[in-house]
Amino acid sequence: MRLSPTLAALALLAAASTPALAQGFPCLDNLSKQPGRTPPPDHYSSASWLQLPRFPDPAILSLIVGTWYTENQSPQTNQIQRIYSVFDANGLYQYRDQTCGGTGICSQNQGHGSFRAVPRGQQFFTMINFSDLSRQNQCVSDDVSFPNPTTMVGRTGAVLRKQQ
């Protein structure tokens, strides 16, 4: 599934109208959100986001642009999550996932946003700012490496495989 760049940009503009963003905090703390209220600012993530260049470093674009697939398994909850992430050359990001439990019941989710990335030694520091059905302007980051052109590995060992 691909969103048109125009629709993704419009969605980002709509998300940018939150009070926290108006105060200069691009990342929100969705874990601390009160029912019926906008999440409070995530000060640490916002500071990191604002320090990164608006567009990803060209050195990473040739590696990261495309569709990536990963699976996360949780033996404790007997669940598996399958995620497709799309990184576009213009810095836009989108994902869709499916989480299934041991009973065979699955839920699906999707989201969109943007990403930033810079070289950090032999790795790249990547940060994604996204919104979906349950989170608004959530920022996540990771140090990733590319052992080969079709494999991305995060600092915790999570492996993503390039699909296209």
Protein backbone atom coordinates (compact mmCIF):
# COMPACT_ATOMS: atom_id res chain seq x y z
CA MET A 1 0.00 0.00 0.00
CA ARG A 2 1.37 3.43 -0.91
CA LEU A 3 -0.03 6.81 -0.03
CA SER A 4 0.42 9.52 -2.59
CA PRO A 5 3.03 12.09 -1.50
CA THR A 6 0.34 14.78 -1.64
CA LEU A 7 -1.99 12.90 0.72
CA ALA A 8 0.87 12.12 3.09
CA ALA A 9 1.95 15.78 3.14
CA LEU A 10 -1.64 16.91 3.81
CA ALA A 11 -1.91 14.41 6.65
CA LEU A 12 1.32 15.73 8.15
CA LEU A 13 0.03 19.28 7.93
CA ALA A 14 -3.20 18.28 9.65
CA ALA A 15 -1.25 16.58 12.44
CA ALA A 16 0.92 19.67 12.81
CA SER A 17 -1.99 21.70 14.13
CA THR A 18 -1.77 20.24 17.65
CA PRO A 19 -1.09 22.66 20.53
CA ALA A 20 2.21 20.98 21.43
CA LEU A 21 3.50 21.44 17.89
CA ALA A 22 2.48 25.08 17.97
CA GLN A 23 4.71 25.40 21.05
CA GLY A 24 7.67 23.92 19.15
CA PHE A 25 7.46 20.29 20.33
CA PRO A 26 7.26 18.00 17.28
CA CYS A 27 7.23 14.80 19.37
CA LEU A 28 4.48 13.87 21.81
CA ASP A 29 4.46 11.54 24.84
CA ASN A 30 1.61 9.22 23.91
CA LEU A 31 2.18 6.98 26.96
CA SER A 32 1.25 9.91 29.25
CA LYS A 33 -1.85 10.92 27.28
CA GLN A 34 -5.00 11.60 29.31
CA PRO A 35 -8.36 10.47 27.80
CA GLY A 36 -9.81 13.09 25.46
CA ARG A 37 -6.69 15.27 25.57
CA THR A 38 -3.72 15.90 23.31
CA PRO A 39 -0.62 14.03 24.52
CA PRO A 40 1.92 16.18 26.37
CA PRO A 41 5.22 17.08 24.69
CA ASP A 42 8.10 14.62 24.68
CA HIS A 43 10.87 17.12 25.41
CA TYR A 44 13.84 14.78 24.93
CA SER A 45 12.66 13.35 21.60
CA SER A 46 11.59 16.80 20.38
CA ALA A 47 15.07 18.19 21.09
CA SER A 48 16.65 15.30 19.18
CA TRP A 49 14.23 15.68 16.24
CA LEU A 50 14.90 19.42 15.94
CA GLN A 51 18.68 18.88 15.88
CA LEU A 52 18.50 16.54 12.89
CA PRO A 53 18.53 17.84 9.30
CA ARG A 54 15.06 18.06 7.78
CA PHE A 55 15.94 15.68 4.96
CA PRO A 56 17.84 12.41 5.44
CA ASP A 57 21.55 12.37 4.72
CA PRO A 58 22.13 11.39 1.06
CA ALA A 59 24.48 8.61 2.20
CA ILE A 60 21.56 6.73 3.76
CA LEU A 61 18.96 7.38 1.07
CA SER A 62 20.43 4.86 -1.35
CA LEU A 63 20.31 2.27 1.43
CA ILE A 64 17.01 2.99 3.20
CA VAL A 65 14.57 4.04 0.44
CA GLY A 66 12.11 1.24 -0.26
CA THR A 67 9.79 -1.18 1.49
CA TRP A 68 11.10 -3.16 4.47
CA TYR A 69 9.59 -6.15 6.29
CA THR A 70 10.15 -7.43 9.82
CA GLU A 71 8.47 -9.73 12.32
CA ASN A 72 8.43 -9.39 16.11
CA GLN A 73 7.47 -12.38 18.22
CA SER A 74 6.41 -12.29 21.85
CA PRO A 75 6.51 -15.73 23.51
CA GLN A 76 5.11 -14.20 26.72
CA THR A 77 1.88 -13.15 25.01
CA ASN A 78 1.97 -15.73 22.20
CA GLN A 79 1.72 -12.93 19.60
CA ILE A 80 3.46 -12.15 16.33
CA GLN A 81 3.61 -8.74 14.67
CA ARG A 82 4.37 -8.38 10.95
CA ILE A 83 5.38 -4.89 9.83
CA TYR A 84 5.90 -3.34 6.40
CA SER A 85 7.69 0.03 6.55
CA VAL A 86 8.11 2.35 3.56
CA PHE A 87 10.86 4.99 3.50
CA ASP A 88 10.55 7.50 0.63
CA ALA A 89 13.38 9.61 -0.81
CA ASN A 90 11.51 12.81 0.16
CA GLY A 91 11.70 11.88 3.86
CA LEU A 92 8.15 10.55 4.19
CA TYR A 93 7.48 7.34 6.10
CA GLN A 94 4.51 4.99 6.32
CA TYR A 95 3.84 1.58 7.77
CA ARG A 96 1.21 -1.08 8.06
CA ASP A 97 1.22 -3.98 10.44
CA GLN A 98 -0.73 -7.01 11.56
CA THR A 99 -0.55 -8.45 15.07
CA CYS A 100 -1.89 -11.95 15.62
CA GLY A 101 -2.43 -13.86 18.86
CA GLY A 102 -2.27 -17.58 19.52
CA THR A 103 -6.02 -17.84 18.97
CA GLY A 104 -5.63 -16.68 15.37
CA ILE A 105 -7.33 -13.34 16.00
CA CYS A 106 -5.44 -10.53 14.26
CA SER A 107 -5.57 -6.75 14.37
CA GLN A 108 -4.25 -4.37 11.73
CA ASN A 109 -2.89 -0.86 11.97
CA GLN A 110 -1.25 1.69 9.69
CA GLY A 111 0.42 5.03 10.11
CA HIS A 112 2.39 7.74 8.38
CA GLY A 113 4.87 10.49 9.13
CA SER A 114 8.43 11.38 8.24
CA PHE A 115 11.94 10.24 9.06
CA ARG A 116 15.36 11.79 9.50
CA ALA A 117 18.71 10.05 9.41
CA VAL A 118 22.39 10.94 9.80
CA PRO A 119 25.64 8.96 9.77
CA ARG A 120 26.97 7.95 13.19
CA GLY A 121 30.28 6.15 12.79
CA GLN A 122 29.70 2.86 10.98
CA GLN A 123 25.94 3.15 11.55
CA PHE A 124 23.14 5.61 10.90
CA PHE A 125 21.01 7.29 13.55
CA THR A 126 17.40 7.21 12.32
CA MET A 127 14.38 8.91 13.85
CA ILE A 128 10.75 8.48 12.78
CA ASN A 129 7.91 10.83 13.72
CA PHE A 130 4.60 9.12 12.96
CA SER A 131 0.90 9.10 13.74
CA ASP A 132 -1.59 6.24 13.56
CA LEU A 133 -4.97 5.28 15.04
CA SER A 134 -3.71 5.34 18.64
CA ARG A 135 -0.62 7.58 18.60
CA GLN A 136 -0.05 11.16 17.55
CA ASN A 137 3.38 12.48 16.55
CA GLN A 138 5.16 9.57 18.22
CA CYS A 139 8.94 9.75 17.79
CA VAL A 140 11.10 6.62 17.84
CA SER A 141 14.79 6.30 17.07
CA ASP A 142 17.40 3.64 16.44
CA ASP A 143 21.00 3.17 15.35
CA VAL A 144 20.90 0.98 12.25
CA SER A 145 23.49 -0.71 10.09
CA PHE A 146 23.28 -2.28 6.64
CA PRO A 147 25.37 -5.48 6.49
CA ASN A 148 24.21 -5.81 2.88
CA PRO A 149 21.85 -3.80 0.60
CA THR A 150 18.78 -5.86 1.55
CA THR A 151 19.28 -6.09 5.33
CA MET A 152 18.87 -3.39 7.98
CA VAL A 153 19.77 -4.25 11.59
CA GLY A 154 18.81 -2.15 14.63
CA ARG A 155 20.89 -1.78 17.80
CA THR A 156 18.77 -4.43 19.61
CA GLY A 157 19.30 -6.93 16.79
CA ALA A 158 15.95 -6.39 15.05
CA VAL A 159 16.34 -7.35 11.38
CA LEU A 160 14.42 -5.78 8.50
CA ARG A 161 14.53 -7.25 4.99
CA LYS A 162 14.15 -5.06 1.91
CA GLN A 163 11.16 -6.08 -0.20
CA GLN A 164 11.60 -3.68 -3.13
